[in-house]
Amino acid sequence: MEDSIRQDLPINNNMSNYQKLDDFLSQQFSPDYWSDDAMHYATSLIQLLNDGEWDVLTINWKSKAVDWQIKLAEAVYGCEDHRVIDLLLQLLNAPDLPVAVAASESLEAKDYVWKPGEAQREVLLRLHNELDGYEQETIKKLLTSID
């Protein structure tokens, strides 16, 4: 069923790339299918967004379900668009902890193009105090890389 969901989505050429992404991220996937296949497809949809669709994405993500926001934070990791870091920083400040964690993991993995600065210290300290285990270690790495 999941394979057919992915393959059916792009057939509707009347949909904008943003609409395709929105519909795709709204679907439920098993964790394995998401990480092995669906996340990469979502990344490819993000890479197709035009400037106007990026504007819509940066406004509309806040009104989406937490699961949708988490998938977005995970999928943008694979994008090299210059707007990705700004979007991840917005997601890092999300009120829902799982969204902020997903954004922090993507930001930490993008250490080759981004380092946190003083502007992120407060939110990272808050997250560090709310988390434990592996998630807390990711936040600690980000905190220690602030100049």
N, C-alpha and C. Protein backbone atom coordinates (compact mmCIF):
# COMPACT_ATOMS: atom_id res chain seq x y z
N MET A 1 0.81 -1.19 0.00
CA MET A 1 0.00 0.00 0.00
C MET A 1 0.86 1.26 0.00
N GLU A 2 1.93 1.28 0.81
CA GLU A 2 2.75 2.48 0.89
C GLU A 2 3.42 2.78 -0.45
N ASP A 3 3.88 1.74 -1.16
CA ASP A 3 4.49 1.98 -2.46
C ASP A 3 3.52 2.63 -3.43
N SER A 4 2.26 2.20 -3.41
CA SER A 4 1.29 2.78 -4.32
C SER A 4 0.96 4.22 -3.94
N ILE A 5 0.99 4.54 -2.65
CA ILE A 5 0.75 5.92 -2.22
C ILE A 5 1.81 6.82 -2.82
N ARG A 6 3.04 6.44 -2.70
CA ARG A 6 4.14 7.26 -3.20
C ARG A 6 4.07 7.41 -4.71
N GLN A 7 3.79 6.36 -5.41
CA GLN A 7 3.78 6.40 -6.86
C GLN A 7 2.56 7.12 -7.41
N ASP A 8 1.45 7.10 -6.72
CA ASP A 8 0.25 7.76 -7.21
C ASP A 8 0.31 9.27 -7.05
N LEU A 9 1.02 9.75 -6.07
CA LEU A 9 1.00 11.16 -5.76
C LEU A 9 1.44 12.06 -6.91
N PRO A 10 2.57 11.81 -7.56
CA PRO A 10 3.00 12.76 -8.58
C PRO A 10 2.21 12.70 -9.88
N ILE A 11 1.32 11.75 -10.04
CA ILE A 11 0.57 11.64 -11.29
C ILE A 11 -0.35 12.83 -11.50
N ASN A 12 -0.87 13.41 -10.44
CA ASN A 12 -1.77 14.55 -10.56
C ASN A 12 -0.96 15.81 -10.88
N ASN A 13 -0.82 16.10 -12.16
CA ASN A 13 0.00 17.23 -12.58
C ASN A 13 -0.67 18.58 -12.35
N ASN A 14 -1.93 18.58 -11.95
CA ASN A 14 -2.62 19.83 -11.66
C ASN A 14 -2.26 20.37 -10.28
N MET A 15 -1.60 19.56 -9.48
CA MET A 15 -1.21 19.98 -8.14
C MET A 15 0.13 20.70 -8.19
N SER A 16 0.27 21.73 -7.36
CA SER A 16 1.57 22.38 -7.23
C SER A 16 2.51 21.45 -6.47
N ASN A 17 3.80 21.72 -6.56
CA ASN A 17 4.75 20.90 -5.80
C ASN A 17 4.49 21.03 -4.30
N TYR A 18 4.09 22.21 -3.86
CA TYR A 18 3.77 22.38 -2.44
C TYR A 18 2.57 21.49 -2.07
N GLN A 19 1.54 21.47 -2.91
CA GLN A 19 0.36 20.62 -2.61
C GLN A 19 0.75 19.15 -2.57
N LYS A 20 1.63 18.74 -3.48
CA LYS A 20 2.10 17.35 -3.47
C LYS A 20 2.85 17.04 -2.18
N LEU A 21 3.72 17.97 -1.77
CA LEU A 21 4.47 17.79 -0.53
C LEU A 21 3.52 17.74 0.67
N ASP A 22 2.59 18.67 0.71
CA ASP A 22 1.62 18.73 1.80
C ASP A 22 0.84 17.42 1.89
N ASP A 23 0.33 16.95 0.78
CA ASP A 23 -0.42 15.69 0.77
C ASP A 23 0.47 14.52 1.21
N PHE A 24 1.69 14.52 0.71
CA PHE A 24 2.60 13.41 1.02
C PHE A 24 2.96 13.38 2.50
N LEU A 25 3.30 14.53 3.07
CA LEU A 25 3.66 14.57 4.49
C LEU A 25 2.47 14.31 5.39
N SER A 26 1.27 14.45 4.88
CA SER A 26 0.05 14.18 5.65
C SER A 26 -0.25 12.69 5.77
N GLN A 27 0.41 11.89 4.96
CA GLN A 27 0.16 10.45 4.98
C GLN A 27 0.94 9.77 6.10
N GLN A 28 0.44 8.61 6.50
CA GLN A 28 1.10 7.82 7.54
C GLN A 28 2.03 6.80 6.88
N PHE A 29 3.22 6.68 7.42
CA PHE A 29 4.20 5.72 6.92
C PHE A 29 4.77 4.94 8.10
N SER A 30 5.12 3.70 7.87
CA SER A 30 5.84 2.96 8.91
C SER A 30 7.20 3.64 9.08
N PRO A 31 7.79 3.55 10.27
CA PRO A 31 9.10 4.19 10.47
C PRO A 31 10.16 3.71 9.48
N ASP A 32 10.17 2.42 9.19
CA ASP A 32 11.17 1.90 8.25
C ASP A 32 10.94 2.44 6.84
N TYR A 33 9.70 2.43 6.41
CA TYR A 33 9.40 2.93 5.07
C TYR A 33 9.73 4.42 4.97
N TRP A 34 9.41 5.18 6.01
CA TRP A 34 9.73 6.60 6.00
C TRP A 34 11.23 6.82 5.85
N SER A 35 12.02 6.18 6.68
CA SER A 35 13.47 6.43 6.64
C SER A 35 14.15 5.82 5.43
N ASP A 36 13.63 4.72 4.91
CA ASP A 36 14.27 4.06 3.77
C ASP A 36 13.88 4.63 2.42
N ASP A 37 12.66 5.17 2.30
CA ASP A 37 12.18 5.55 0.98
C ASP A 37 11.39 6.86 0.97
N ALA A 38 10.36 6.93 1.79
CA ALA A 38 9.44 8.06 1.71
C ALA A 38 10.12 9.39 2.04
N MET A 39 11.03 9.41 3.01
CA MET A 39 11.71 10.65 3.35
C MET A 39 12.48 11.20 2.16
N HIS A 40 13.10 10.32 1.41
CA HIS A 40 13.88 10.75 0.25
C HIS A 40 12.97 11.31 -0.85
N TYR A 41 11.80 10.71 -0.98
CA TYR A 41 10.83 11.24 -1.94
C TYR A 41 10.34 12.62 -1.49
N ALA A 42 10.08 12.78 -0.19
CA ALA A 42 9.68 14.09 0.33
C ALA A 42 10.78 15.13 0.08
N THR A 43 12.03 14.73 0.26
CA THR A 43 13.16 15.63 -0.02
C THR A 43 13.14 16.06 -1.47
N SER A 44 12.87 15.13 -2.37
CA SER A 44 12.84 15.48 -3.80
C SER A 44 11.70 16.45 -4.10
N LEU A 45 10.59 16.32 -3.41
CA LEU A 45 9.49 17.27 -3.60
C LEU A 45 9.89 18.66 -3.08
N ILE A 46 10.57 18.71 -1.96
CA ILE A 46 11.03 19.99 -1.42
C ILE A 46 11.98 20.67 -2.40
N GLN A 47 12.84 19.91 -3.01
CA GLN A 47 13.81 20.47 -3.95
C GLN A 47 13.14 21.05 -5.19
N LEU A 48 11.92 20.65 -5.46
CA LEU A 48 11.18 21.16 -6.62
C LEU A 48 10.38 22.43 -6.32
N LEU A 49 10.32 22.84 -5.05
CA LEU A 49 9.52 24.01 -4.70
C LEU A 49 10.08 25.28 -5.34
N ASN A 50 9.19 26.10 -5.88
CA ASN A 50 9.62 27.40 -6.41
C ASN A 50 9.59 28.43 -5.27
N ASP A 51 9.99 29.65 -5.56
CA ASP A 51 10.09 30.67 -4.52
C ASP A 51 8.75 30.91 -3.81
N GLY A 52 7.68 30.99 -4.56
CA GLY A 52 6.36 31.21 -3.96
C GLY A 52 5.94 30.05 -3.08
N GLU A 53 6.25 28.83 -3.50
CA GLU A 53 5.91 27.65 -2.70
C GLU A 53 6.75 27.59 -1.42
N TRP A 54 7.99 28.03 -1.49
CA TRP A 54 8.81 28.11 -0.28
C TRP A 54 8.19 29.11 0.69
N ASP A 55 7.71 30.22 0.17
CA ASP A 55 7.06 31.21 1.03
C ASP A 55 5.84 30.60 1.72
N VAL A 56 5.04 29.85 0.97
CA VAL A 56 3.86 29.19 1.53
C VAL A 56 4.30 28.18 2.60
N LEU A 57 5.33 27.40 2.31
CA LEU A 57 5.82 26.40 3.26
C LEU A 57 6.27 27.05 4.56
N THR A 58 7.01 28.14 4.47
CA THR A 58 7.53 28.77 5.69
C THR A 58 6.43 29.43 6.53
N ILE A 59 5.30 29.67 5.92
CA ILE A 59 4.15 30.21 6.67
C ILE A 59 3.26 29.08 7.19
N ASN A 60 2.97 28.11 6.33
CA ASN A 60 1.95 27.10 6.64
C ASN A 60 2.40 25.97 7.55
N TRP A 61 3.69 25.73 7.69
CA TRP A 61 4.12 24.58 8.50
C TRP A 61 3.58 24.66 9.93
N LYS A 62 3.43 25.87 10.44
CA LYS A 62 3.00 26.05 11.83
C LYS A 62 1.59 25.52 12.08
N SER A 63 0.76 25.49 11.04
CA SER A 63 -0.62 25.04 11.20
C SER A 63 -0.80 23.55 10.93
N LYS A 64 0.27 22.88 10.63
CA LYS A 64 0.20 21.45 10.31
C LYS A 64 0.33 20.60 11.58
N ALA A 65 -0.05 19.36 11.47
CA ALA A 65 0.05 18.41 12.58
C ALA A 65 1.51 18.21 12.97
N VAL A 66 1.73 17.84 14.21
CA VAL A 66 3.09 17.63 14.71
C VAL A 66 3.83 16.59 13.87
N ASP A 67 3.17 15.49 13.53
CA ASP A 67 3.80 14.44 12.72
C ASP A 67 4.25 15.00 11.37
N TRP A 68 3.45 15.85 10.76
CA TRP A 68 3.78 16.49 9.49
C TRP A 68 5.03 17.35 9.67
N GLN A 69 5.07 18.12 10.74
CA GLN A 69 6.21 19.01 11.01
C GLN A 69 7.49 18.21 11.24
N ILE A 70 7.39 17.10 11.94
CA ILE A 70 8.56 16.25 12.17
C ILE A 70 9.08 15.72 10.85
N LYS A 71 8.18 15.24 10.01
CA LYS A 71 8.60 14.71 8.70
C LYS A 71 9.26 15.81 7.87
N LEU A 72 8.72 17.01 7.94
CA LEU A 72 9.33 18.13 7.22
C LEU A 72 10.75 18.37 7.72
N ALA A 73 10.94 18.43 9.03
CA ALA A 73 12.28 18.66 9.59
C ALA A 73 13.26 17.57 9.17
N GLU A 74 12.79 16.35 9.08
CA GLU A 74 13.66 15.25 8.67
C GLU A 74 13.94 15.30 7.17
N ALA A 75 12.94 15.64 6.38
CA ALA A 75 13.10 15.63 4.92
C ALA A 75 13.97 16.79 4.42
N VAL A 76 13.91 17.95 5.07
CA VAL A 76 14.71 19.08 4.56
C VAL A 76 16.20 18.86 4.79
N TYR A 77 16.55 17.95 5.67
CA TYR A 77 17.96 17.65 5.89
C TYR A 77 18.68 17.37 4.57
N GLY A 78 18.03 16.66 3.68
CA GLY A 78 18.65 16.26 2.42
C GLY A 78 18.68 17.35 1.36
N CYS A 79 18.12 18.50 1.63
CA CYS A 79 18.07 19.59 0.66
C CYS A 79 19.26 20.53 0.83
N GLU A 80 19.72 21.04 -0.26
CA GLU A 80 20.83 21.99 -0.21
C GLU A 80 20.37 23.41 -0.50
N ASP A 81 19.08 23.64 -0.56
CA ASP A 81 18.54 24.98 -0.82
C ASP A 81 18.96 25.92 0.31
N HIS A 82 19.26 27.15 -0.03
CA HIS A 82 19.73 28.13 0.95
C HIS A 82 18.67 28.46 2.01
N ARG A 83 17.41 28.15 1.76
CA ARG A 83 16.34 28.46 2.71
C ARG A 83 16.14 27.39 3.78
N VAL A 84 16.82 26.27 3.64
CA VAL A 84 16.64 25.15 4.56
C VAL A 84 17.03 25.52 5.99
N ILE A 85 18.16 26.17 6.16
CA ILE A 85 18.61 26.51 7.52
C ILE A 85 17.60 27.42 8.20
N ASP A 86 17.11 28.42 7.50
CA ASP A 86 16.11 29.31 8.10
C ASP A 86 14.86 28.54 8.51
N LEU A 87 14.42 27.61 7.67
CA LEU A 87 13.25 26.81 8.00
C LEU A 87 13.53 25.93 9.22
N LEU A 88 14.69 25.31 9.25
CA LEU A 88 15.03 24.47 10.40
C LEU A 88 15.13 25.29 11.69
N LEU A 89 15.61 26.51 11.59
CA LEU A 89 15.66 27.37 12.78
C LEU A 89 14.26 27.72 13.27
N GLN A 90 13.33 27.91 12.33
CA GLN A 90 11.94 28.12 12.72
C GLN A 90 11.39 26.88 13.43
N LEU A 91 11.67 25.72 12.85
CA LEU A 91 11.20 24.46 13.42
C LEU A 91 11.84 24.20 14.79
N LEU A 92 13.08 24.62 14.96
CA LEU A 92 13.77 24.47 16.24
C LEU A 92 13.02 25.20 17.34
N ASN A 93 12.36 26.28 17.00
CA ASN A 93 11.59 27.08 17.96
C ASN A 93 10.13 26.65 18.06
N ALA A 94 9.78 25.53 17.46
CA ALA A 94 8.41 25.05 17.51
C ALA A 94 8.00 24.76 18.96
N PRO A 95 6.74 24.97 19.29
CA PRO A 95 6.30 24.72 20.66
C PRO A 95 6.27 23.23 21.03
N ASP A 96 6.22 22.37 20.04
CA ASP A 96 6.16 20.93 20.30
C ASP A 96 7.57 20.35 20.32
N LEU A 97 7.94 19.76 21.43
CA LEU A 97 9.28 19.24 21.64
C LEU A 97 9.74 18.26 20.55
N PRO A 98 8.92 17.31 20.10
CA PRO A 98 9.40 16.40 19.06
C PRO A 98 9.78 17.10 17.75
N VAL A 99 9.10 18.20 17.44
CA VAL A 99 9.44 18.96 16.23
C VAL A 99 10.79 19.64 16.41
N ALA A 100 10.99 20.26 17.57
CA ALA A 100 12.26 20.92 17.86
C ALA A 100 13.41 19.92 17.86
N VAL A 101 13.18 18.73 18.37
CA VAL A 101 14.21 17.70 18.38
C VAL A 101 14.57 17.28 16.96
N ALA A 102 13.56 17.06 16.13
CA ALA A 102 13.83 16.68 14.73
C ALA A 102 14.61 17.78 14.03
N ALA A 103 14.25 19.03 14.27
CA ALA A 103 14.97 20.15 13.66
C ALA A 103 16.40 20.20 14.17
N SER A 104 16.61 19.97 15.46
CA SER A 104 17.97 20.02 16.00
C SER A 104 18.84 18.93 15.39
N GLU A 105 18.27 17.76 15.18
CA GLU A 105 19.03 16.67 14.56
C GLU A 105 19.42 17.00 13.13
N SER A 106 18.51 17.61 12.39
CA SER A 106 18.84 18.00 11.01
C SER A 106 19.87 19.12 10.99
N LEU A 107 19.73 20.07 11.91
CA LEU A 107 20.72 21.16 11.99
C LEU A 107 22.09 20.62 12.37
N GLU A 108 22.14 19.72 13.32
CA GLU A 108 23.43 19.15 13.74
C GLU A 108 24.09 18.41 12.59
N ALA A 109 23.29 17.76 11.78
CA ALA A 109 23.84 17.02 10.63
C ALA A 109 24.29 17.96 9.51
N LYS A 110 23.85 19.20 9.55
CA LYS A 110 24.25 20.19 8.54
C LYS A 110 25.42 21.05 9.03
N ASP A 111 26.23 20.49 9.91
CA ASP A 111 27.34 21.24 10.49
C ASP A 111 28.37 21.67 9.46
N TYR A 112 28.31 21.14 8.28
CA TYR A 112 29.23 21.54 7.22
C TYR A 112 28.82 22.87 6.58
N VAL A 113 27.59 23.34 6.84
CA VAL A 113 27.15 24.63 6.29
C VAL A 113 26.60 25.58 7.34
N TRP A 114 26.45 25.10 8.58
CA TRP A 114 25.83 25.94 9.60
C TRP A 114 26.38 25.61 10.98
N LYS A 115 26.59 26.67 11.75
CA LYS A 115 26.94 26.54 13.16
C LYS A 115 25.99 27.41 13.96
N PRO A 116 25.55 26.92 15.11
CA PRO A 116 24.66 27.76 15.93
C PRO A 116 25.42 28.97 16.47
N GLY A 117 24.67 30.02 16.70
CA GLY A 117 25.24 31.23 17.27
C GLY A 117 24.52 31.60 18.55
N GLU A 118 24.85 32.76 19.06
CA GLU A 118 24.25 33.24 20.30
C GLU A 118 22.73 33.30 20.19
N ALA A 119 22.21 33.58 19.01
CA ALA A 119 20.76 33.69 18.83
C ALA A 119 20.05 32.37 19.15
N GLN A 120 20.75 31.25 19.05
CA GLN A 120 20.13 29.95 19.31
C GLN A 120 20.40 29.44 20.73
N ARG A 121 21.28 30.11 21.48
CA ARG A 121 21.68 29.59 22.79
C ARG A 121 20.48 29.35 23.71
N GLU A 122 19.59 30.31 23.82
CA GLU A 122 18.47 30.19 24.76
C GLU A 122 17.58 28.99 24.42
N VAL A 123 17.20 28.85 23.17
CA VAL A 123 16.33 27.73 22.80
C VAL A 123 17.06 26.40 22.98
N LEU A 124 18.35 26.37 22.68
CA LEU A 124 19.10 25.13 22.85
C LEU A 124 19.24 24.76 24.33
N LEU A 125 19.47 25.75 25.17
CA LEU A 125 19.53 25.48 26.61
C LEU A 125 18.19 24.95 27.13
N ARG A 126 17.10 25.55 26.67
CA ARG A 126 15.78 25.08 27.08
C ARG A 126 15.58 23.62 26.66
N LEU A 127 15.93 23.32 25.41
CA LEU A 127 15.78 21.94 24.93
C LEU A 127 16.68 20.99 25.70
N HIS A 128 17.90 21.40 25.96
CA HIS A 128 18.84 20.56 26.70
C HIS A 128 18.28 20.19 28.07
N ASN A 129 17.63 21.14 28.71
CA ASN A 129 17.06 20.90 30.04
C ASN A 129 15.80 20.03 29.99
N GLU A 130 15.13 19.98 28.85
CA GLU A 130 13.90 19.20 28.73
C GLU A 130 14.13 17.77 28.23
N LEU A 131 15.33 17.49 27.75
CA LEU A 131 15.60 16.21 27.11
C LEU A 131 16.58 15.37 27.92
N ASP A 132 16.72 14.12 27.51
CA ASP A 132 17.76 13.27 28.07
C ASP A 132 18.24 12.31 26.99
N GLY A 133 19.25 11.55 27.31
CA GLY A 133 19.76 10.54 26.39
C GLY A 133 20.33 11.11 25.11
N TYR A 134 20.12 10.38 24.03
CA TYR A 134 20.66 10.74 22.72
C TYR A 134 20.23 12.13 22.29
N GLU A 135 18.96 12.45 22.50
CA GLU A 135 18.45 13.75 22.07
C GLU A 135 19.17 14.88 22.80
N GLN A 136 19.44 14.69 24.08
CA GLN A 136 20.17 15.70 24.84
C GLN A 136 21.60 15.84 24.33
N GLU A 137 22.20 14.73 23.91
CA GLU A 137 23.57 14.78 23.38
C GLU A 137 23.63 15.60 22.09
N THR A 138 22.61 15.48 21.25
CA THR A 138 22.55 16.29 20.02
C THR A 138 22.53 17.77 20.36
N ILE A 139 21.72 18.13 21.33
CA ILE A 139 21.61 19.52 21.76
C ILE A 139 22.95 19.98 22.36
N LYS A 140 23.58 19.11 23.15
CA LYS A 140 24.87 19.46 23.76
C LYS A 140 25.92 19.74 22.68
N LYS A 141 25.93 18.93 21.62
CA LYS A 141 26.86 19.17 20.51
C LYS A 141 26.62 20.55 19.89
N LEU A 142 25.36 20.89 19.71
CA LEU A 142 25.05 22.19 19.15
C LEU A 142 25.49 23.31 20.09
N LEU A 143 25.23 23.15 21.37
CA LEU A 143 25.61 24.17 22.35
C LEU A 143 27.14 24.36 22.40
N THR A 144 27.88 23.28 22.36
CA THR A 144 29.34 23.40 22.46
C THR A 144 29.95 23.98 21.19
N SER A 145 29.21 24.00 20.11
CA SER A 145 29.77 24.58 18.88
C SER A 145 29.48 26.08 18.74
N ILE A 146 28.78 26.65 19.72
CA ILE A 146 28.56 28.10 19.70
C ILE A 146 29.86 28.79 20.07
N ASP A 147 30.27 29.74 19.26
CA ASP A 147 31.53 30.47 19.53
C ASP A 147 31.40 31.37 20.72
